[in-house]
Amino acid sequence: MLVRLITTAIASSVLLGACASMSESQCQVADWQRVGYADGAAGIGESRLAEYVTDCGKIGITPNAVAYRSGWDEGIVGFCRPANGWREGVMGHAGKEIACRGQPGYDRFARNLQAGLQLYRINEQIQQNHQEIYRLQIRLDNSATSDTDKAWIRSALNQLDLEQHRLRTLYHQQRLLAP
């Protein structure tokens, strides 16, 4: 029982520590303008400051909100560019649009983010179809599969092949939209 209690306590402290936005030593030496700039340049919303206030407040440190905001304002302008929108979209990071709302270049960032997300979704569908083709091919190769089922599987494989061709064409067309 004691071992279980100790294990639970250690696991809890590790998990809670992993949720901290900044370590104690980072709070103590933080240049809040640089922290803000880095967060903005990474497309992290300015709401991250609230996490720093909470985490650093536990050790009696209050982040400099004015310096953080000044840095964040500079960093976010660099992030909210069309190429970053495209990159974030291709990686499936739809939430980055929120940080750029109201920033210069938001419209182009958002348009490229959506185009990148479309490419991401197409690629996801290609992967799902590939898995389905593999699954159907195994069923087709199974000697216990009836001739009727084999005919249906062949038809399904033909349809998936046509769909894969369509998706690959669409994928290549969508890539041409990259900034």
Foldseek 3Di string as FASTA:
>chain_A
DVVVVVVVVVVVVVVVVVPQPDDQVCLVPPPLLQVLLVCLLVLHAPCVLVSSQVRNVVVPGGRDSVSSVNSNLVNNLNCLALLNLLVCLLVVNLPSLVRCVPHPNSVSSPVNVVLNVVLNVLVVVLVVLVVVLVVLVVLLPDPPRDPVSNVVSVVVNVVSVVVNVVSVVVNVVSVVPRD
